[in-house]
Amino acid sequence: MTTSYPDRQIEDLIDGKLPFSEIHKMLSSFKDPARFDQYVAIMQGRVPWEDTILLPYGVHLFIVQRPDGQRVVKCDCGHEFGDYRTNWKESALVKVRDSEASLLELYQTMTHCDPEWMELREFFCPGCVALLEVEALPPGYPLVFDFLPDLETFYRDWLGRELPH
C-alpha cells in the first residue's frame, strides 16, 4: 500500500518544518510512485527560471534541461555550472580550511581535524553564495565527483517514461 501526502506536507519536509514523527512515518511507509513528480513540481514552482527540472541534484542544485536541449547543473538562484556530466565543483567558489586558524572559525579548540591530515573544502554558488557542499579530505585529494546519473535509464526504468526533450 502506498501513501500519498498533500503538497503542504512535502513542502514542510523540504523546509525542515516537519516533526520527526512525521518524517519517520514517511520513511517507513511504502512510497507513492507519484512523489518524485510531486517533489519536482514543488521545486519547479520555487525557482525563478523556466528550465525544466529533470533531477534534484543536491541542496540548491538541479539538473535541468534548457530550451536549447542542453542539460546543465543549475542552482536555484539561476547560476549555471555547466554540463551535468562534468563536475560542477570546478565552477564553484571554494574556501579551503587547511589551517588551525581557519578551522577554529568553525570548531572549538581541540575539536577540529588535524590540518596536516585533513582539510575542509566549502563549495559556494558564484551567483548567490549559498553553501552547496562540504568535503573533508586529505590535503591534495582531487575534487570528488559525487555522482553521474544515467538520466535516460532513471526515467525509462524507474519512472516508466521517456526523458523530456
N, C-alpha and C. Protein backbone atom coordinates (compact mmCIF):
# COMPACT_ATOMS: atom_id res chain seq x y z
N MET A 1 0.84 -1.18 0.00
CA MET A 1 0.00 0.00 0.00
C MET A 1 0.88 1.24 0.00
N THR A 2 0.60 2.16 -0.91
CA THR A 2 1.37 3.41 -0.98
C THR A 2 0.65 4.51 -0.22
N THR A 3 1.41 5.49 0.18
CA THR A 3 0.85 6.61 0.93
C THR A 3 1.10 7.89 0.17
N SER A 4 0.05 8.67 -0.05
CA SER A 4 0.18 9.98 -0.68
C SER A 4 0.15 11.05 0.40
N TYR A 5 0.82 12.14 0.14
CA TYR A 5 0.87 13.25 1.09
C TYR A 5 0.48 14.53 0.36
N PRO A 6 -0.19 15.43 1.06
CA PRO A 6 -0.53 16.71 0.44
C PRO A 6 0.74 17.54 0.18
N ASP A 7 0.66 18.43 -0.80
CA ASP A 7 1.81 19.27 -1.14
C ASP A 7 2.36 19.99 0.08
N ARG A 8 1.47 20.49 0.94
CA ARG A 8 1.92 21.25 2.11
C ARG A 8 2.85 20.41 3.00
N GLN A 9 2.56 19.14 3.12
CA GLN A 9 3.39 18.26 3.95
C GLN A 9 4.76 18.03 3.29
N ILE A 10 4.78 17.87 1.99
CA ILE A 10 6.05 17.72 1.27
C ILE A 10 6.84 19.03 1.37
N GLU A 11 6.17 20.17 1.26
CA GLU A 11 6.85 21.45 1.41
C GLU A 11 7.45 21.60 2.82
N ASP A 12 6.72 21.18 3.84
CA ASP A 12 7.25 21.23 5.20
C ASP A 12 8.46 20.31 5.35
N LEU A 13 8.44 19.18 4.68
CA LEU A 13 9.59 18.27 4.69
C LEU A 13 10.80 18.96 4.06
N ILE A 14 10.61 19.57 2.90
CA ILE A 14 11.68 20.27 2.20
C ILE A 14 12.25 21.39 3.06
N ASP A 15 11.37 22.11 3.74
CA ASP A 15 11.78 23.28 4.52
C ASP A 15 12.27 22.95 5.92
N GLY A 16 12.28 21.66 6.26
CA GLY A 16 12.75 21.26 7.59
C GLY A 16 11.78 21.57 8.70
N LYS A 17 10.51 21.68 8.38
CA LYS A 17 9.49 22.03 9.37
C LYS A 17 8.65 20.84 9.81
N LEU A 18 8.89 19.69 9.23
CA LEU A 18 8.08 18.52 9.55
C LEU A 18 8.59 17.86 10.83
N PRO A 19 7.72 17.55 11.77
CA PRO A 19 8.16 16.89 13.00
C PRO A 19 8.78 15.52 12.68
N PHE A 20 9.73 15.11 13.53
CA PHE A 20 10.42 13.85 13.30
C PHE A 20 9.45 12.68 13.18
N SER A 21 8.40 12.68 13.98
CA SER A 21 7.44 11.56 13.92
C SER A 21 6.83 11.43 12.53
N GLU A 22 6.56 12.55 11.88
CA GLU A 22 6.01 12.51 10.51
C GLU A 22 7.06 12.08 9.50
N ILE A 23 8.30 12.54 9.69
CA ILE A 23 9.38 12.12 8.81
C ILE A 23 9.58 10.61 8.92
N HIS A 24 9.58 10.11 10.13
CA HIS A 24 9.76 8.67 10.35
C HIS A 24 8.63 7.89 9.68
N LYS A 25 7.42 8.38 9.80
CA LYS A 25 6.28 7.72 9.17
C LYS A 25 6.45 7.68 7.64
N MET A 26 6.91 8.80 7.07
CA MET A 26 7.12 8.86 5.62
C MET A 26 8.21 7.88 5.18
N LEU A 27 9.29 7.84 5.95
CA LEU A 27 10.41 6.96 5.59
C LEU A 27 10.05 5.49 5.73
N SER A 28 9.19 5.19 6.68
CA SER A 28 8.83 3.80 6.98
C SER A 28 7.72 3.24 6.10
N SER A 29 6.97 4.10 5.47
CA SER A 29 5.84 3.63 4.68
C SER A 29 6.26 3.38 3.23
N PHE A 30 5.40 2.66 2.50
CA PHE A 30 5.64 2.46 1.09
C PHE A 30 5.57 3.82 0.38
N LYS A 31 6.36 3.96 -0.65
CA LYS A 31 6.46 5.24 -1.33
C LYS A 31 5.40 5.37 -2.42
N ASP A 32 4.88 6.56 -2.51
CA ASP A 32 3.92 6.92 -3.55
C ASP A 32 4.70 7.06 -4.86
N PRO A 33 4.32 6.32 -5.89
CA PRO A 33 5.05 6.42 -7.16
C PRO A 33 5.04 7.83 -7.76
N ALA A 34 4.08 8.64 -7.38
CA ALA A 34 3.98 10.00 -7.93
C ALA A 34 4.77 11.02 -7.10
N ARG A 35 5.42 10.57 -6.01
CA ARG A 35 6.10 11.53 -5.13
C ARG A 35 7.24 12.27 -5.83
N PHE A 36 7.98 11.61 -6.70
CA PHE A 36 9.05 12.28 -7.44
C PHE A 36 8.48 13.46 -8.21
N ASP A 37 7.40 13.21 -8.95
CA ASP A 37 6.79 14.29 -9.74
C ASP A 37 6.24 15.39 -8.83
N GLN A 38 5.69 15.00 -7.70
CA GLN A 38 5.16 15.98 -6.75
C GLN A 38 6.30 16.86 -6.23
N TYR A 39 7.40 16.24 -5.85
CA TYR A 39 8.56 16.98 -5.34
C TYR A 39 9.12 17.92 -6.42
N VAL A 40 9.30 17.41 -7.63
CA VAL A 40 9.84 18.23 -8.71
C VAL A 40 8.90 19.40 -9.01
N ALA A 41 7.59 19.16 -9.01
CA ALA A 41 6.63 20.25 -9.27
C ALA A 41 6.73 21.33 -8.19
N ILE A 42 6.89 20.92 -6.94
CA ILE A 42 7.03 21.90 -5.86
C ILE A 42 8.31 22.71 -6.06
N MET A 43 9.41 22.03 -6.35
CA MET A 43 10.67 22.73 -6.54
C MET A 43 10.64 23.62 -7.78
N GLN A 44 10.00 23.16 -8.85
CA GLN A 44 9.89 23.96 -10.07
C GLN A 44 9.14 25.26 -9.78
N GLY A 45 8.14 25.19 -8.92
CA GLY A 45 7.39 26.38 -8.54
C GLY A 45 8.15 27.34 -7.66
N ARG A 46 9.25 26.92 -7.11
CA ARG A 46 10.04 27.76 -6.21
C ARG A 46 11.20 28.47 -6.89
N VAL A 47 11.57 28.04 -8.07
CA VAL A 47 12.73 28.65 -8.74
C VAL A 47 12.28 29.77 -9.67
N PRO A 48 13.15 30.77 -9.89
CA PRO A 48 12.77 31.92 -10.72
C PRO A 48 13.00 31.73 -12.21
N TRP A 49 13.32 30.53 -12.65
CA TRP A 49 13.59 30.29 -14.05
C TRP A 49 12.65 29.22 -14.59
N GLU A 50 12.60 29.12 -15.93
CA GLU A 50 11.64 28.24 -16.60
C GLU A 50 12.22 26.90 -17.04
N ASP A 51 13.54 26.73 -17.02
CA ASP A 51 14.14 25.47 -17.47
C ASP A 51 13.50 24.31 -16.72
N THR A 52 13.33 23.19 -17.40
CA THR A 52 12.68 22.02 -16.82
C THR A 52 13.62 21.27 -15.89
N ILE A 53 13.21 21.10 -14.64
CA ILE A 53 14.00 20.30 -13.70
C ILE A 53 13.85 18.83 -14.09
N LEU A 54 14.98 18.20 -14.36
CA LEU A 54 14.98 16.77 -14.67
C LEU A 54 15.25 15.94 -13.43
N LEU A 55 16.12 16.46 -12.54
CA LEU A 55 16.51 15.70 -11.37
C LEU A 55 17.05 16.65 -10.29
N PRO A 56 16.52 16.56 -9.08
CA PRO A 56 17.17 17.28 -7.98
C PRO A 56 18.57 16.68 -7.79
N TYR A 57 19.58 17.53 -7.61
CA TYR A 57 20.96 17.07 -7.62
C TYR A 57 21.67 17.26 -6.29
N GLY A 58 21.15 18.12 -5.46
CA GLY A 58 21.73 18.42 -4.16
C GLY A 58 21.01 19.60 -3.56
N VAL A 59 21.45 20.02 -2.39
CA VAL A 59 20.84 21.20 -1.78
C VAL A 59 21.07 22.39 -2.71
N HIS A 60 20.02 23.01 -3.17
CA HIS A 60 20.03 24.17 -4.09
C HIS A 60 20.38 23.80 -5.54
N LEU A 61 20.71 22.55 -5.83
CA LEU A 61 21.17 22.19 -7.18
C LEU A 61 20.20 21.25 -7.88
N PHE A 62 20.12 21.44 -9.20
CA PHE A 62 19.24 20.63 -10.04
C PHE A 62 19.94 20.34 -11.36
N ILE A 63 19.60 19.21 -11.97
CA ILE A 63 19.94 19.01 -13.38
C ILE A 63 18.70 19.46 -14.14
N VAL A 64 18.91 20.39 -15.05
CA VAL A 64 17.79 20.95 -15.80
C VAL A 64 18.03 20.79 -17.29
N GLN A 65 16.93 20.89 -18.02
CA GLN A 65 17.02 20.91 -19.48
C GLN A 65 16.69 22.32 -19.93
N ARG A 66 17.64 22.93 -20.62
CA ARG A 66 17.43 24.27 -21.15
C ARG A 66 16.62 24.18 -22.44
N PRO A 67 16.03 25.29 -22.88
CA PRO A 67 15.26 25.28 -24.14
C PRO A 67 16.08 24.81 -25.36
N ASP A 68 17.40 25.04 -25.32
CA ASP A 68 18.25 24.61 -26.43
C ASP A 68 18.58 23.12 -26.37
N GLY A 69 18.04 22.40 -25.36
CA GLY A 69 18.25 20.97 -25.23
C GLY A 69 19.43 20.60 -24.36
N GLN A 70 20.26 21.56 -24.02
CA GLN A 70 21.43 21.27 -23.18
C GLN A 70 20.98 20.96 -21.76
N ARG A 71 21.63 19.99 -21.15
CA ARG A 71 21.34 19.60 -19.76
C ARG A 71 22.49 20.07 -18.88
N VAL A 72 22.15 20.91 -17.92
CA VAL A 72 23.17 21.54 -17.08
C VAL A 72 22.81 21.43 -15.60
N VAL A 73 23.81 21.60 -14.75
CA VAL A 73 23.59 21.73 -13.31
C VAL A 73 23.32 23.20 -13.04
N LYS A 74 22.24 23.46 -12.31
CA LYS A 74 21.81 24.84 -12.08
C LYS A 74 21.43 25.02 -10.62
N CYS A 75 21.84 26.15 -10.07
CA CYS A 75 21.47 26.50 -8.70
C CYS A 75 20.06 27.08 -8.71
N ASP A 76 19.39 26.99 -7.58
CA ASP A 76 18.04 27.54 -7.53
C ASP A 76 18.02 29.05 -7.77
N CYS A 77 19.17 29.75 -7.61
CA CYS A 77 19.23 31.18 -7.90
C CYS A 77 19.29 31.46 -9.40
N GLY A 78 19.62 30.44 -10.20
CA GLY A 78 19.71 30.60 -11.65
C GLY A 78 21.12 30.44 -12.20
N HIS A 79 22.13 30.43 -11.33
CA HIS A 79 23.50 30.27 -11.82
C HIS A 79 23.69 28.87 -12.41
N GLU A 80 24.31 28.82 -13.59
CA GLU A 80 24.57 27.54 -14.26
C GLU A 80 26.03 27.15 -14.07
N PHE A 81 26.24 25.87 -13.72
CA PHE A 81 27.57 25.34 -13.50
C PHE A 81 28.11 24.60 -14.72
N GLY A 82 27.30 24.42 -15.74
CA GLY A 82 27.76 23.74 -16.94
C GLY A 82 27.14 22.36 -17.08
N ASP A 83 27.60 21.65 -18.09
CA ASP A 83 27.08 20.33 -18.43
C ASP A 83 27.07 19.42 -17.21
N TYR A 84 25.98 18.69 -17.04
CA TYR A 84 25.81 17.84 -15.86
C TYR A 84 26.81 16.69 -15.82
N ARG A 85 27.45 16.39 -16.94
CA ARG A 85 28.40 15.28 -16.99
C ARG A 85 29.81 15.69 -16.54
N THR A 86 29.97 16.98 -16.22
CA THR A 86 31.24 17.45 -15.66
C THR A 86 31.01 17.81 -14.20
N ASN A 87 32.07 17.90 -13.44
CA ASN A 87 31.96 18.16 -12.00
C ASN A 87 31.65 19.64 -11.77
N TRP A 88 30.46 19.91 -11.27
CA TRP A 88 30.03 21.29 -11.02
C TRP A 88 30.96 22.01 -10.05
N LYS A 89 31.64 21.27 -9.20
CA LYS A 89 32.52 21.89 -8.18
C LYS A 89 33.67 22.66 -8.82
N GLU A 90 34.03 22.30 -10.05
CA GLU A 90 35.11 23.01 -10.75
C GLU A 90 34.72 24.44 -11.07
N SER A 91 33.43 24.75 -11.06
CA SER A 91 32.94 26.10 -11.37
C SER A 91 32.42 26.82 -10.13
N ALA A 92 32.58 26.22 -8.97
CA ALA A 92 32.08 26.82 -7.73
C ALA A 92 33.15 27.69 -7.08
N LEU A 93 32.71 28.56 -6.19
CA LEU A 93 33.64 29.26 -5.31
C LEU A 93 34.03 28.27 -4.22
N VAL A 94 35.30 28.24 -3.86
CA VAL A 94 35.78 27.26 -2.89
C VAL A 94 36.55 27.96 -1.78
N LYS A 95 36.22 27.63 -0.56
CA LYS A 95 37.01 28.06 0.60
C LYS A 95 37.60 26.80 1.20
N VAL A 96 38.93 26.77 1.28
CA VAL A 96 39.62 25.62 1.84
C VAL A 96 40.07 25.98 3.25
N ARG A 97 39.65 25.17 4.19
CA ARG A 97 40.09 25.34 5.59
C ARG A 97 41.18 24.31 5.83
N ASP A 98 42.43 24.81 5.78
CA ASP A 98 43.58 23.92 5.89
C ASP A 98 44.61 24.41 6.91
N SER A 99 44.13 25.25 7.82
CA SER A 99 44.99 25.72 8.90
C SER A 99 44.20 25.69 10.19
N GLU A 100 44.92 25.67 11.29
CA GLU A 100 44.24 25.66 12.58
C GLU A 100 43.39 26.92 12.74
N ALA A 101 43.91 28.07 12.29
CA ALA A 101 43.15 29.32 12.43
C ALA A 101 41.84 29.26 11.66
N SER A 102 41.85 28.72 10.44
CA SER A 102 40.61 28.66 9.65
C SER A 102 39.64 27.64 10.24
N LEU A 103 40.15 26.57 10.79
CA LEU A 103 39.28 25.56 11.41
C LEU A 103 38.68 26.07 12.71
N LEU A 104 39.42 26.91 13.43
CA LEU A 104 38.90 27.47 14.68
C LEU A 104 37.75 28.45 14.45
N GLU A 105 37.55 28.88 13.21
CA GLU A 105 36.38 29.71 12.88
C GLU A 105 35.10 28.89 13.00
N LEU A 106 35.22 27.57 12.91
CA LEU A 106 34.07 26.67 12.98
C LEU A 106 34.03 25.82 14.24
N TYR A 107 35.18 25.43 14.73
CA TYR A 107 35.26 24.47 15.82
C TYR A 107 35.93 25.09 17.05
N GLN A 108 35.64 24.50 18.20
CA GLN A 108 36.34 24.89 19.41
C GLN A 108 37.72 24.24 19.42
N THR A 109 38.60 24.77 20.26
CA THR A 109 39.94 24.21 20.39
C THR A 109 39.87 22.71 20.69
N MET A 110 40.73 21.97 20.02
CA MET A 110 40.86 20.53 20.20
C MET A 110 39.67 19.72 19.69
N THR A 111 38.75 20.33 18.94
CA THR A 111 37.62 19.57 18.41
C THR A 111 37.66 19.47 16.88
N HIS A 112 38.63 20.09 16.26
CA HIS A 112 38.72 20.05 14.80
C HIS A 112 39.73 19.01 14.35
N CYS A 113 39.76 18.77 13.07
CA CYS A 113 40.70 17.81 12.49
C CYS A 113 42.12 18.38 12.52
N ASP A 114 43.07 17.52 12.29
CA ASP A 114 44.46 17.95 12.16
C ASP A 114 44.64 18.42 10.72
N PRO A 115 44.93 19.71 10.50
CA PRO A 115 45.02 20.22 9.13
C PRO A 115 46.15 19.60 8.30
N GLU A 116 47.07 18.90 8.94
CA GLU A 116 48.10 18.21 8.17
C GLU A 116 47.56 16.90 7.59
N TRP A 117 46.45 16.42 8.14
CA TRP A 117 45.86 15.15 7.71
C TRP A 117 44.55 15.33 6.95
N MET A 118 43.87 16.46 7.20
CA MET A 118 42.57 16.66 6.55
C MET A 118 42.30 18.15 6.39
N GLU A 119 41.62 18.47 5.30
CA GLU A 119 41.16 19.84 5.08
C GLU A 119 39.68 19.82 4.77
N LEU A 120 39.03 20.93 5.05
CA LEU A 120 37.62 21.09 4.70
C LEU A 120 37.54 21.99 3.48
N ARG A 121 36.76 21.55 2.49
CA ARG A 121 36.53 22.37 1.31
C ARG A 121 35.06 22.73 1.28
N GLU A 122 34.78 24.01 1.29
CA GLU A 122 33.40 24.50 1.26
C GLU A 122 33.14 25.05 -0.14
N PHE A 123 32.09 24.55 -0.77
CA PHE A 123 31.75 24.95 -2.14
C PHE A 123 30.53 25.86 -2.11
N PHE A 124 30.66 27.03 -2.75
CA PHE A 124 29.61 28.04 -2.76
C PHE A 124 29.20 28.36 -4.19
N CYS A 125 27.93 28.74 -4.35
CA CYS A 125 27.43 29.19 -5.65
C CYS A 125 27.99 30.58 -5.95
N PRO A 126 28.58 30.79 -7.14
CA PRO A 126 29.06 32.12 -7.50
C PRO A 126 27.92 33.13 -7.68
N GLY A 127 26.70 32.64 -7.91
CA GLY A 127 25.57 33.55 -8.12
C GLY A 127 24.96 34.09 -6.85
N CYS A 128 24.74 33.23 -5.87
CA CYS A 128 24.05 33.64 -4.64
C CYS A 128 24.86 33.37 -3.37
N VAL A 129 26.01 32.75 -3.51
CA VAL A 129 26.94 32.43 -2.42
C VAL A 129 26.32 31.46 -1.41
N ALA A 130 25.34 30.66 -1.84
CA ALA A 130 24.80 29.62 -0.96
C ALA A 130 25.84 28.52 -0.80
N LEU A 131 25.95 28.00 0.41
CA LEU A 131 26.82 26.86 0.66
C LEU A 131 26.16 25.64 0.04
N LEU A 132 26.87 24.98 -0.88
CA LEU A 132 26.31 23.86 -1.62
C LEU A 132 26.79 22.51 -1.11
N GLU A 133 28.02 22.45 -0.66
CA GLU A 133 28.56 21.17 -0.19
C GLU A 133 29.86 21.42 0.57
N VAL A 134 30.20 20.47 1.43
CA VAL A 134 31.47 20.49 2.16
C VAL A 134 32.12 19.12 2.01
N GLU A 135 33.41 19.12 1.67
CA GLU A 135 34.17 17.88 1.61
C GLU A 135 35.23 17.91 2.71
N ALA A 136 35.44 16.80 3.36
CA ALA A 136 36.51 16.63 4.33
C ALA A 136 37.45 15.57 3.77
N LEU A 137 38.63 16.01 3.34
CA LEU A 137 39.54 15.12 2.61
C LEU A 137 40.99 15.36 3.00
N PRO A 138 41.86 14.41 2.69
CA PRO A 138 43.29 14.65 2.91
C PRO A 138 43.76 15.78 1.99
N PRO A 139 44.71 16.59 2.43
CA PRO A 139 45.23 17.65 1.56
C PRO A 139 45.72 17.09 0.23
N GLY A 140 45.39 17.79 -0.85
CA GLY A 140 45.82 17.37 -2.18
C GLY A 140 44.91 16.38 -2.87
N TYR A 141 43.91 15.85 -2.15
CA TYR A 141 43.00 14.89 -2.76
C TYR A 141 42.18 15.60 -3.85
N PRO A 142 41.95 14.95 -4.99
CA PRO A 142 41.18 15.62 -6.06
C PRO A 142 39.73 15.88 -5.66
N LEU A 143 39.10 16.80 -6.38
CA LEU A 143 37.68 17.08 -6.14
C LEU A 143 36.87 15.81 -6.34
N VAL A 144 35.92 15.58 -5.47
CA VAL A 144 35.06 14.41 -5.57
C VAL A 144 33.92 14.73 -6.53
N PHE A 145 33.73 13.87 -7.52
CA PHE A 145 32.58 13.98 -8.43
C PHE A 145 31.52 13.08 -7.81
N ASP A 146 30.52 13.68 -7.16
CA ASP A 146 29.57 12.94 -6.34
C ASP A 146 28.86 11.82 -7.08
N PHE A 147 28.26 12.13 -8.19
CA PHE A 147 27.65 11.07 -8.99
C PHE A 147 27.26 11.60 -10.36
N LEU A 148 27.25 10.67 -11.31
CA LEU A 148 26.85 10.98 -12.68
C LEU A 148 25.61 10.14 -12.97
N PRO A 149 24.43 10.74 -12.85
CA PRO A 149 23.22 9.95 -13.05
C PRO A 149 23.01 9.57 -14.51
N ASP A 150 22.46 8.39 -14.71
CA ASP A 150 22.04 7.94 -16.03
C ASP A 150 20.59 8.36 -16.17
N LEU A 151 20.39 9.56 -16.67
CA LEU A 151 19.04 10.15 -16.74
C LEU A 151 18.08 9.31 -17.57
N GLU A 152 18.54 8.82 -18.71
CA GLU A 152 17.67 8.05 -19.58
C GLU A 152 17.17 6.79 -18.88
N THR A 153 18.08 6.07 -18.23
CA THR A 153 17.68 4.84 -17.53
C THR A 153 16.77 5.16 -16.35
N PHE A 154 17.08 6.20 -15.61
CA PHE A 154 16.23 6.58 -14.47
C PHE A 154 14.80 6.85 -14.93
N TYR A 155 14.65 7.64 -15.97
CA TYR A 155 13.31 7.95 -16.45
C TYR A 155 12.62 6.72 -17.03
N ARG A 156 13.33 5.97 -17.86
CA ARG A 156 12.73 4.81 -18.52
C ARG A 156 12.42 3.68 -17.54
N ASP A 157 13.41 3.27 -16.73
CA ASP A 157 13.27 2.08 -15.91
C ASP A 157 12.65 2.35 -14.54
N TRP A 158 12.84 3.53 -13.99
CA TRP A 158 12.31 3.83 -12.67
C TRP A 158 11.00 4.60 -12.72
N LEU A 159 10.93 5.57 -13.64
CA LEU A 159 9.71 6.38 -13.73
C LEU A 159 8.75 5.86 -14.80
N GLY A 160 9.22 4.98 -15.67
CA GLY A 160 8.35 4.39 -16.69
C GLY A 160 7.97 5.31 -17.81
N ARG A 161 8.83 6.24 -18.13
CA ARG A 161 8.54 7.17 -19.24
C ARG A 161 9.87 7.68 -19.82
N GLU A 162 9.77 8.30 -20.96
CA GLU A 162 10.96 8.83 -21.61
C GLU A 162 11.39 10.14 -20.95
N LEU A 163 12.67 10.40 -21.01
CA LEU A 163 13.24 11.64 -20.51
C LEU A 163 12.73 12.79 -21.38
N PRO A 164 12.29 13.89 -20.77
CA PRO A 164 11.81 15.03 -21.57
C PRO A 164 12.90 15.54 -22.52
N HIS A 165 12.47 15.97 -23.69
CA HIS A 165 13.42 16.50 -24.68
C HIS A 165 13.22 17.99 -24.85
